Amino acid sequence: MTTLPELSGKVALITGASRGIGYGVAEALIARGDRVCITGRNEDALKEAVETLGADRVIAVAGKAHDEVHQAVAVERTMEAFGRVDFLVNNAGTNPVFGPIAELDLNVARKVFETNVVSALGFAQQTWKAWQGENGGAIVNIASVAGLAPSPFIGAYGISKAAMINLTVQLAHEFAPKVRVNAIAPAVVKTKFAAALYEGREAEAAAAYPLGRLGVPSDIGGAAAFLTSQQSDWVTGQTLVVDGGMFLNAGVE
């Protein structure tokens, strides 16, 4: 990014943002002038992302999303660097298992919930205490269409995303009127995380979407930018489905 807009005065903390959807969200918010803290597990990937996004507007904090110490440090570092944290985007997630839910290892299920749901709650608690509770702001939880309908072979992931959608409405209710809380439920987005769902068969996978293609990170970045903007000031507790029209094919023919 060679030419950056004037600073907006707003600051965002985005989890799981060294690549993929989180990185796409960071790009969208930086493009409108926000400063950003990105988190992720891989320190080298985070450093590369900071260099690409712009070290004058981006900091990175490495750690595991479900680690409470990491959550506190990430928020603390954001406050130290920028003096505020207006927006939280909970994007960090995991899906380490593929198979029928009857055979799901319960320890794996616990890991999925720790990373996908409990970490989002932890970050929301931290940003509320540090800034949002007194000053307001917005939270965006990256859920999934898997949380809205049965998702064969990724059941644990889908259940966790359904829980995240419910977490969204709970937070929206309790954090109002200071903080708006919404979720985005993407269908398949072309990222390394989702590669197993389309790699080697992208044209076939895309054929199921009325808009004729899979999603890309910027699609979700644009949605997150809207939900953290003044244009959505009267929107809270909602789940915005960004699916290329996939659910349009769910009707009876």
C-alpha atoms as a PDB file:
ATOM      1  CA  MET A   1       0.000   0.000   0.000  1.00  0.00           C
ATOM      2  CA  THR A   2       1.865   3.061  -1.242  1.00  0.00           C
ATOM      3  CA  THR A   3      -0.677   5.817  -0.591  1.00  0.00           C
ATOM      4  CA  LEU A   4      -2.642   5.756   2.639  1.00  0.00           C
ATOM      5  CA  PRO A   5      -5.622   7.952   3.537  1.00  0.00           C
ATOM      6  CA  GLU A   6      -5.622  10.400   6.403  1.00  0.00           C
ATOM      7  CA  LEU A   7      -6.013   8.810   9.814  1.00  0.00           C
ATOM      8  CA  SER A   8      -9.604   8.300  10.902  1.00  0.00           C
ATOM      9  CA  GLY A   9      -8.760   8.487  14.590  1.00  0.00           C
ATOM     10  CA  LYS A  10     -10.210   4.996  15.093  1.00  0.00           C
ATOM     11  CA  VAL A  11      -8.371   1.854  16.149  1.00  0.00           C
ATOM     12  CA  ALA A  12      -9.211  -1.816  15.565  1.00  0.00           C
ATOM     13  CA  LEU A  13      -7.955  -5.048  17.102  1.00  0.00           C
ATOM     14  CA  ILE A  14      -8.311  -7.967  14.685  1.00  0.00           C
ATOM     15  CA  THR A  15      -7.577 -11.524  15.788  1.00  0.00           C
ATOM     16  CA  GLY A  16      -6.211 -14.175  13.451  1.00  0.00           C
ATOM     17  CA  ALA A  17      -5.162 -11.522  10.954  1.00  0.00           C
ATOM     18  CA  SER A  18      -1.755 -12.481   9.571  1.00  0.00           C
ATOM     19  CA  ARG A  19      -3.504 -13.845   6.468  1.00  0.00           C
ATOM     20  CA  GLY A  20      -6.886 -14.818   5.038  1.00  0.00           C
ATOM     21  CA  ILE A  21     -10.099 -13.175   6.192  1.00  0.00           C
ATOM     22  CA  GLY A  22      -8.487 -11.351   9.114  1.00  0.00           C
ATOM     23  CA  TYR A  23      -5.885  -9.850   6.799  1.00  0.00           C
ATOM     24  CA  GLY A  24      -8.630  -8.813   4.373  1.00  0.00           C
ATOM     25  CA  VAL A  25     -10.439  -7.041   7.209  1.00  0.00           C
ATOM     26  CA  ALA A  26      -7.221  -5.286   8.230  1.00  0.00           C
ATOM     27  CA  GLU A  27      -6.715  -4.087   4.642  1.00  0.00           C
ATOM     28  CA  ALA A  28     -10.248  -2.676   4.508  1.00  0.00           C
ATOM     29  CA  LEU A  29      -9.978  -0.794   7.799  1.00  0.00           C
ATOM     30  CA  ILE A  30      -6.521   0.585   7.036  1.00  0.00           C
ATOM     31  CA  ALA A  31      -7.793   1.703   3.625  1.00  0.00           C
ATOM     32  CA  ARG A  32     -10.261   4.030   5.339  1.00  0.00           C
ATOM     33  CA  GLY A  33      -7.658   5.398   7.747  1.00  0.00           C
ATOM     34  CA  ASP A  34      -7.920   3.221  10.854  1.00  0.00           C
ATOM     35  CA  ARG A  35      -4.909   2.029  12.805  1.00  0.00           C
ATOM     36  CA  VAL A  36      -4.847  -1.661  13.580  1.00  0.00           C
ATOM     37  CA  CYS A  37      -3.413  -4.296  15.905  1.00  0.00           C
ATOM     38  CA  ILE A  38      -3.340  -7.759  14.347  1.00  0.00           C
ATOM     39  CA  THR A  39      -2.848 -11.006  16.219  1.00  0.00           C
ATOM     40  CA  GLY A  40      -1.962 -14.560  15.238  1.00  0.00           C
ATOM     41  CA  ARG A  41       0.125 -17.535  16.266  1.00  0.00           C
ATOM     42  CA  ASN A  42       2.944 -17.174  13.747  1.00  0.00           C
ATOM     43  CA  GLU A  43       5.272 -14.293  14.587  1.00  0.00           C
ATOM     44  CA  ASP A  44       7.033 -14.386  11.205  1.00  0.00           C
ATOM     45  CA  ALA A  45       3.727 -14.212   9.328  1.00  0.00           C
ATOM     46  CA  LEU A  46       2.645 -11.303  11.502  1.00  0.00           C
ATOM     47  CA  LYS A  47       5.877  -9.409  10.815  1.00  0.00           C
ATOM     48  CA  GLU A  48       5.400  -9.893   7.091  1.00  0.00           C
ATOM     49  CA  ALA A  49       1.810  -8.688   7.335  1.00  0.00           C
ATOM     50  CA  VAL A  50       2.862  -5.568   9.249  1.00  0.00           C
ATOM     51  CA  GLU A  51       5.480  -4.745   6.626  1.00  0.00           C
ATOM     52  CA  THR A  52       2.943  -5.120   3.828  1.00  0.00           C
ATOM     53  CA  LEU A  53       0.104  -3.276   5.547  1.00  0.00           C
ATOM     54  CA  GLY A  54       2.302  -0.450   6.821  1.00  0.00           C
ATOM     55  CA  ALA A  55       4.311  -0.405  10.038  1.00  0.00           C
ATOM     56  CA  ASP A  56       3.292   3.191  10.726  1.00  0.00           C
ATOM     57  CA  ARG A  57      -0.329   2.101  11.168  1.00  0.00           C
ATOM     58  CA  VAL A  58      -0.151  -1.531  12.220  1.00  0.00           C
ATOM     59  CA  ILE A  59       1.263  -3.413  15.190  1.00  0.00           C
ATOM     60  CA  ALA A  60       1.212  -7.148  15.798  1.00  0.00           C
ATOM     61  CA  VAL A  61       1.001  -9.305  18.896  1.00  0.00           C
ATOM     62  CA  ALA A  62       1.764 -13.008  18.559  1.00  0.00           C
ATOM     63  CA  GLY A  63      -0.017 -15.603  20.678  1.00  0.00           C
ATOM     64  CA  LYS A  64      -2.788 -18.169  20.863  1.00  0.00           C
ATOM     65  CA  ALA A  65      -6.265 -16.683  20.766  1.00  0.00           C
ATOM     66  CA  HIS A  66      -7.609 -18.822  23.616  1.00  0.00           C
ATOM     67  CA  ASP A  67      -4.763 -17.796  25.964  1.00  0.00           C
ATOM     68  CA  GLU A  68      -6.138 -15.267  28.462  1.00  0.00           C
ATOM     69  CA  VAL A  69      -2.688 -13.759  28.997  1.00  0.00           C
ATOM     70  CA  HIS A  70      -2.350 -13.200  25.246  1.00  0.00           C
ATOM     71  CA  GLN A  71      -5.782 -11.560  25.146  1.00  0.00           C
ATOM     72  CA  ALA A  72      -4.812  -9.138  27.893  1.00  0.00           C
ATOM     73  CA  VAL A  73      -1.426  -8.379  26.357  1.00  0.00           C
ATOM     74  CA  ALA A  74      -2.908  -7.746  22.905  1.00  0.00           C
ATOM     75  CA  VAL A  75      -5.396  -5.225  24.283  1.00  0.00           C
ATOM     76  CA  GLU A  76      -2.746  -3.633  26.502  1.00  0.00           C
ATOM     77  CA  ARG A  77      -0.326  -3.271  23.584  1.00  0.00           C
ATOM     78  CA  THR A  78      -3.065  -1.725  21.447  1.00  0.00           C
ATOM     79  CA  MET A  79      -3.847   0.811  24.158  1.00  0.00           C
ATOM     80  CA  GLU A  80      -0.177   1.611  24.641  1.00  0.00           C
ATOM     81  CA  ALA A  81       0.448   2.092  20.917  1.00  0.00           C
ATOM     82  CA  PHE A  82      -2.722   3.913  19.917  1.00  0.00           C
ATOM     83  CA  GLY A  83      -4.482   5.011  23.114  1.00  0.00           C
ATOM     84  CA  ARG A  84      -7.812   3.384  22.283  1.00  0.00           C
ATOM     85  CA  VAL A  85      -9.507   0.311  20.809  1.00  0.00           C
ATOM     86  CA  ASP A  86     -12.752   1.244  19.085  1.00  0.00           C
ATOM     87  CA  PHE A  87     -13.324  -1.948  17.145  1.00  0.00           C
ATOM     88  CA  LEU A  88     -12.784  -5.620  17.876  1.00  0.00           C
ATOM     89  CA  VAL A  89     -12.984  -8.167  15.063  1.00  0.00           C
ATOM     90  CA  ASN A  90     -12.966 -11.735  16.376  1.00  0.00           C
ATOM     91  CA  ASN A  91     -11.691 -13.731  13.435  1.00  0.00           C
ATOM     92  CA  ALA A  92      -9.337 -16.291  15.021  1.00  0.00           C
ATOM     93  CA  GLY A  93     -10.645 -19.789  14.459  1.00  0.00           C
ATOM     94  CA  THR A  94      -9.698 -23.408  14.029  1.00  0.00           C
ATOM     95  CA  ASN A  95     -11.142 -26.523  12.396  1.00  0.00           C
ATOM     96  CA  PRO A  96      -8.684 -29.363  13.056  1.00  0.00           C
ATOM     97  CA  VAL A  97     -11.047 -32.244  12.334  1.00  0.00           C
ATOM     98  CA  PHE A  98     -12.992 -33.495   9.302  1.00  0.00           C
ATOM     99  CA  GLY A  99     -15.429 -36.335   9.708  1.00  0.00           C
ATOM    100  CA  PRO A 100     -18.781 -37.477  11.126  1.00  0.00           C
ATOM    101  CA  ILE A 101     -19.771 -35.985  14.463  1.00  0.00           C
ATOM    102  CA  ALA A 102     -20.515 -39.443  15.906  1.00  0.00           C
ATOM    103  CA  GLU A 103     -16.775 -40.092  15.853  1.00  0.00           C
ATOM    104  CA  LEU A 104     -15.688 -36.653  17.058  1.00  0.00           C
ATOM    105  CA  ASP A 105     -12.948 -36.671  19.696  1.00  0.00           C
ATOM    106  CA  LEU A 106     -14.363 -34.632  22.578  1.00  0.00           C
ATOM    107  CA  ASN A 107     -10.958 -33.168  23.352  1.00  0.00           C
ATOM    108  CA  VAL A 108     -10.867 -31.811  19.804  1.00  0.00           C
ATOM    109  CA  ALA A 109     -14.375 -30.406  20.301  1.00  0.00           C
ATOM    110  CA  ARG A 110     -13.169 -28.605  23.426  1.00  0.00           C
ATOM    111  CA  LYS A 111     -10.233 -27.145  21.491  1.00  0.00           C
ATOM    112  CA  VAL A 112     -12.550 -25.881  18.755  1.00  0.00           C
ATOM    113  CA  PHE A 113     -14.805 -24.159  21.282  1.00  0.00           C
ATOM    114  CA  GLU A 114     -11.878 -22.671  23.195  1.00  0.00           C
ATOM    115  CA  THR A 115     -10.482 -21.086  20.052  1.00  0.00           C
ATOM    116  CA  ASN A 116     -13.653 -20.213  18.168  1.00  0.00           C
ATOM    117  CA  VAL A 117     -15.995 -19.137  20.961  1.00  0.00           C
ATOM    118  CA  VAL A 118     -14.342 -18.675  24.354  1.00  0.00           C
ATOM    119  CA  SER A 119     -11.511 -16.615  22.896  1.00  0.00           C
ATOM    120  CA  ALA A 120     -14.026 -14.248  21.287  1.00  0.00           C
ATOM    121  CA  LEU A 121     -15.725 -13.764  24.639  1.00  0.00           C
ATOM    122  CA  GLY A 122     -12.357 -13.192  26.314  1.00  0.00           C
ATOM    123  CA  PHE A 123     -11.305 -10.522  23.822  1.00  0.00           C
ATOM    124  CA  ALA A 124     -14.718  -8.843  24.124  1.00  0.00           C
ATOM    125  CA  GLN A 125     -14.343  -8.708  27.903  1.00  0.00           C
ATOM    126  CA  GLN A 126     -10.873  -7.220  27.588  1.00  0.00           C
ATOM    127  CA  THR A 127     -11.799  -4.510  25.076  1.00  0.00           C
ATOM    128  CA  TRP A 128     -14.885  -3.641  27.112  1.00  0.00           C
ATOM    129  CA  LYS A 129     -12.800  -3.106  30.235  1.00  0.00           C
ATOM    130  CA  ALA A 130      -9.991  -1.255  28.485  1.00  0.00           C
ATOM    131  CA  TRP A 131     -11.962   1.192  26.349  1.00  0.00           C
ATOM    132  CA  GLN A 132     -15.332   0.275  24.909  1.00  0.00           C
ATOM    133  CA  GLY A 133     -17.294   0.141  28.149  1.00  0.00           C
ATOM    134  CA  GLU A 134     -16.666   3.848  28.753  1.00  0.00           C
ATOM    135  CA  ASN A 135     -16.186   5.111  25.210  1.00  0.00           C
ATOM    136  CA  GLY A 136     -18.248   2.872  22.953  1.00  0.00           C
ATOM    137  CA  GLY A 137     -17.335   1.108  19.746  1.00  0.00           C
ATOM    138  CA  ALA A 138     -18.240  -1.986  17.782  1.00  0.00           C
ATOM    139  CA  ILE A 139     -17.496  -5.700  17.768  1.00  0.00           C
ATOM    140  CA  VAL A 140     -17.697  -7.951  14.709  1.00  0.00           C
ATOM    141  CA  ASN A 141     -17.595 -11.722  15.155  1.00  0.00           C
ATOM    142  CA  ILE A 142     -16.633 -13.748  12.097  1.00  0.00           C
ATOM    143  CA  ALA A 143     -19.036 -16.685  12.191  1.00  0.00           C
ATOM    144  CA  SER A 144     -19.922 -18.927   9.225  1.00  0.00           C
ATOM    145  CA  VAL A 145     -22.854 -20.239   7.228  1.00  0.00           C
ATOM    146  CA  ALA A 146     -21.874 -23.525   8.889  1.00  0.00           C
ATOM    147  CA  GLY A 147     -23.429 -22.060  12.028  1.00  0.00           C
ATOM    148  CA  LEU A 148     -26.779 -21.598  10.291  1.00  0.00           C
ATOM    149  CA  ALA A 149     -27.350 -25.029   8.755  1.00  0.00           C
ATOM    150  CA  PRO A 150     -26.017 -28.582   9.049  1.00  0.00           C
ATOM    151  CA  SER A 151     -22.485 -28.890   7.731  1.00  0.00           C
ATOM    152  CA  PRO A 152     -21.499 -32.505   7.110  1.00  0.00           C
ATOM    153  CA  PHE A 153     -17.973 -33.449   8.184  1.00  0.00           C
ATOM    154  CA  ILE A 154     -17.263 -30.075   9.851  1.00  0.00           C
ATOM    155  CA  GLY A 155     -19.874 -30.437  12.570  1.00  0.00           C
ATOM    156  CA  ALA A 156     -17.736 -29.237  15.477  1.00  0.00           C
ATOM    157  CA  TYR A 157     -16.820 -26.103  13.539  1.00  0.00           C
ATOM    158  CA  GLY A 158     -20.448 -25.459  12.636  1.00  0.00           C
ATOM    159  CA  ILE A 159     -21.643 -25.918  16.208  1.00  0.00           C
ATOM    160  CA  SER A 160     -18.981 -23.501  17.441  1.00  0.00           C
ATOM    161  CA  LYS A 161     -20.042 -20.915  14.864  1.00  0.00           C
ATOM    162  CA  ALA A 162     -23.678 -21.308  15.917  1.00  0.00           C
ATOM    163  CA  ALA A 163     -22.518 -20.597  19.451  1.00  0.00           C
ATOM    164  CA  MET A 164     -20.646 -17.545  18.189  1.00  0.00           C
ATOM    165  CA  ILE A 165     -23.829 -16.234  16.594  1.00  0.00           C
ATOM    166  CA  ASN A 166     -25.618 -16.620  19.918  1.00  0.00           C
ATOM    167  CA  LEU A 167     -22.668 -14.982  21.693  1.00  0.00           C
ATOM    168  CA  THR A 168     -23.151 -12.072  19.307  1.00  0.00           C
ATOM    169  CA  VAL A 169     -26.746 -11.453  20.378  1.00  0.00           C
ATOM    170  CA  GLN A 170     -25.890 -11.896  24.054  1.00  0.00           C
ATOM    171  CA  LEU A 171     -23.093  -9.335  23.830  1.00  0.00           C
ATOM    172  CA  ALA A 172     -25.244  -7.000  21.748  1.00  0.00           C
ATOM    173  CA  HIS A 173     -27.917  -7.065  24.431  1.00  0.00           C
ATOM    174  CA  GLU A 174     -25.560  -6.594  27.379  1.00  0.00           C
ATOM    175  CA  PHE A 175     -23.159  -4.097  25.782  1.00  0.00           C
ATOM    176  CA  ALA A 176     -25.884  -1.786  24.428  1.00  0.00           C
ATOM    177  CA  PRO A 177     -26.086   1.136  24.076  1.00  0.00           C
ATOM    178  CA  LYS A 178     -22.321   1.697  24.244  1.00  0.00           C
ATOM    179  CA  VAL A 179     -21.144  -1.050  21.915  1.00  0.00           C
ATOM    180  CA  ARG A 180     -22.767  -2.517  18.824  1.00  0.00           C
ATOM    181  CA  VAL A 181     -22.105  -6.214  18.264  1.00  0.00           C
ATOM    182  CA  ASN A 182     -22.758  -8.010  14.988  1.00  0.00           C
ATOM    183  CA  ALA A 183     -21.571 -11.129  13.180  1.00  0.00           C
ATOM    184  CA  ILE A 184     -20.658 -11.992   9.608  1.00  0.00           C
ATOM    185  CA  ALA A 185     -21.445 -15.475   8.323  1.00  0.00           C
ATOM    186  CA  PRO A 186     -19.376 -16.155   5.193  1.00  0.00           C
ATOM    187  CA  ALA A 187     -19.716 -19.127   2.893  1.00  0.00           C
ATOM    188  CA  VAL A 188     -16.494 -20.557   1.438  1.00  0.00           C
ATOM    189  CA  VAL A 189     -13.825 -17.890   1.121  1.00  0.00           C
ATOM    190  CA  LYS A 190     -10.625 -18.614  -0.780  1.00  0.00           C
ATOM    191  CA  THR A 191      -8.083 -18.850   2.034  1.00  0.00           C
ATOM    192  CA  LYS A 192      -5.546 -21.400   3.172  1.00  0.00           C
ATOM    193  CA  PHE A 193      -7.872 -22.194   6.084  1.00  0.00           C
ATOM    194  CA  ALA A 194     -10.685 -23.266   3.736  1.00  0.00           C
ATOM    195  CA  ALA A 195      -8.533 -24.786   0.989  1.00  0.00           C
ATOM    196  CA  ALA A 196      -9.724 -28.342   1.654  1.00  0.00           C
ATOM    197  CA  LEU A 197     -13.247 -27.281   0.672  1.00  0.00           C
ATOM    198  CA  TYR A 198     -12.344 -26.154  -2.853  1.00  0.00           C
ATOM    199  CA  GLU A 199      -8.731 -26.964  -3.759  1.00  0.00           C
ATOM    200  CA  GLY A 200      -8.546 -28.901  -7.020  1.00  0.00           C
ATOM    201  CA  ARG A 201     -12.270 -28.436  -7.631  1.00  0.00           C
ATOM    202  CA  GLU A 202     -12.846 -24.683  -7.472  1.00  0.00           C
ATOM    203  CA  ALA A 203     -15.011 -24.479 -10.594  1.00  0.00           C
ATOM    204  CA  GLU A 204     -17.231 -27.267  -9.278  1.00  0.00           C
ATOM    205  CA  ALA A 205     -17.474 -25.632  -5.854  1.00  0.00           C
ATOM    206  CA  ALA A 206     -18.230 -22.207  -7.341  1.00  0.00           C
ATOM    207  CA  ALA A 207     -21.024 -23.644  -9.492  1.00  0.00           C
ATOM    208  CA  ALA A 208     -23.161 -23.943  -6.354  1.00  0.00           C
ATOM    209  CA  TYR A 209     -23.133 -20.148  -5.916  1.00  0.00           C
ATOM    210  CA  PRO A 210     -25.579 -17.985  -7.909  1.00  0.00           C
ATOM    211  CA  LEU A 211     -22.957 -15.241  -8.155  1.00  0.00           C
ATOM    212  CA  GLY A 212     -20.654 -17.723  -9.857  1.00  0.00           C
ATOM    213  CA  ARG A 213     -17.580 -17.564  -7.657  1.00  0.00           C
ATOM    214  CA  LEU A 214     -16.228 -18.304  -4.203  1.00  0.00           C
ATOM    215  CA  GLY A 215     -15.624 -15.496  -1.758  1.00  0.00           C
ATOM    216  CA  VAL A 216     -12.341 -13.653  -1.310  1.00  0.00           C
ATOM    217  CA  PRO A 217     -11.072 -11.972   1.877  1.00  0.00           C
ATOM    218  CA  SER A 218     -11.934  -8.493   0.608  1.00  0.00           C
ATOM    219  CA  ASP A 219     -15.612  -9.504   0.451  1.00  0.00           C
ATOM    220  CA  ILE A 220     -15.572 -10.010   4.202  1.00  0.00           C
ATOM    221  CA  GLY A 221     -13.350  -6.976   4.715  1.00  0.00           C
ATOM    222  CA  GLY A 222     -15.978  -4.772   3.085  1.00  0.00           C
ATOM    223  CA  ALA A 223     -18.719  -6.209   5.282  1.00  0.00           C
ATOM    224  CA  ALA A 224     -16.620  -5.659   8.416  1.00  0.00           C
ATOM    225  CA  ALA A 225     -15.874  -2.091   7.342  1.00  0.00           C
ATOM    226  CA  PHE A 226     -19.618  -1.445   7.045  1.00  0.00           C
ATOM    227  CA  LEU A 227     -20.410  -2.966  10.442  1.00  0.00           C
ATOM    228  CA  THR A 228     -17.750  -0.790  12.104  1.00  0.00           C
ATOM    229  CA  SER A 229     -18.822   2.398  10.333  1.00  0.00           C
ATOM    230  CA  GLN A 230     -21.312   5.167  11.074  1.00  0.00           C
ATOM    231  CA  GLN A 231     -23.473   3.801   8.260  1.00  0.00           C
ATOM    232  CA  SER A 232     -24.380   0.886  10.554  1.00  0.00           C
ATOM    233  CA  ASP A 233     -24.958   2.933  13.708  1.00  0.00           C
ATOM    234  CA  TRP A 234     -28.485   1.500  14.111  1.00  0.00           C
ATOM    235  CA  VAL A 235     -27.478  -2.103  13.512  1.00  0.00           C
ATOM    236  CA  THR A 236     -26.706  -4.460  16.390  1.00  0.00           C
ATOM    237  CA  GLY A 237     -27.282  -8.106  17.249  1.00  0.00           C
ATOM    238  CA  GLN A 238     -27.439  -9.085  13.570  1.00  0.00           C
ATOM    239  CA  THR A 239     -25.715 -11.760  11.508  1.00  0.00           C
ATOM    240  CA  LEU A 240     -24.875 -10.601   7.998  1.00  0.00           C
ATOM    241  CA  VAL A 241     -24.741 -13.578   5.636  1.00  0.00           C
ATOM    242  CA  VAL A 242     -22.105 -13.060   2.933  1.00  0.00           C
ATOM    243  CA  ASP A 243     -22.481 -16.169   0.800  1.00  0.00           C
ATOM    244  CA  GLY A 244     -22.573 -15.286  -2.889  1.00  0.00           C
ATOM    245  CA  GLY A 245     -26.232 -16.299  -2.877  1.00  0.00           C
ATOM    246  CA  MET A 246     -25.559 -19.872  -1.759  1.00  0.00           C
ATOM    247  CA  PHE A 247     -28.669 -20.065   0.410  1.00  0.00           C
ATOM    248  CA  LEU A 248     -30.805 -19.122  -2.593  1.00  0.00           C
ATOM    249  CA  ASN A 249     -30.299 -22.704  -3.755  1.00  0.00           C
ATOM    250  CA  ALA A 250     -31.770 -24.136  -0.563  1.00  0.00           C
ATOM    251  CA  GLY A 251     -35.384 -23.961  -1.745  1.00  0.00           C
ATOM    252  CA  VAL A 252     -37.458 -26.805  -3.136  1.00  0.00           C
ATOM    253  CA  GLU A 253     -37.297 -27.070  -6.922  1.00  0.00           C
END
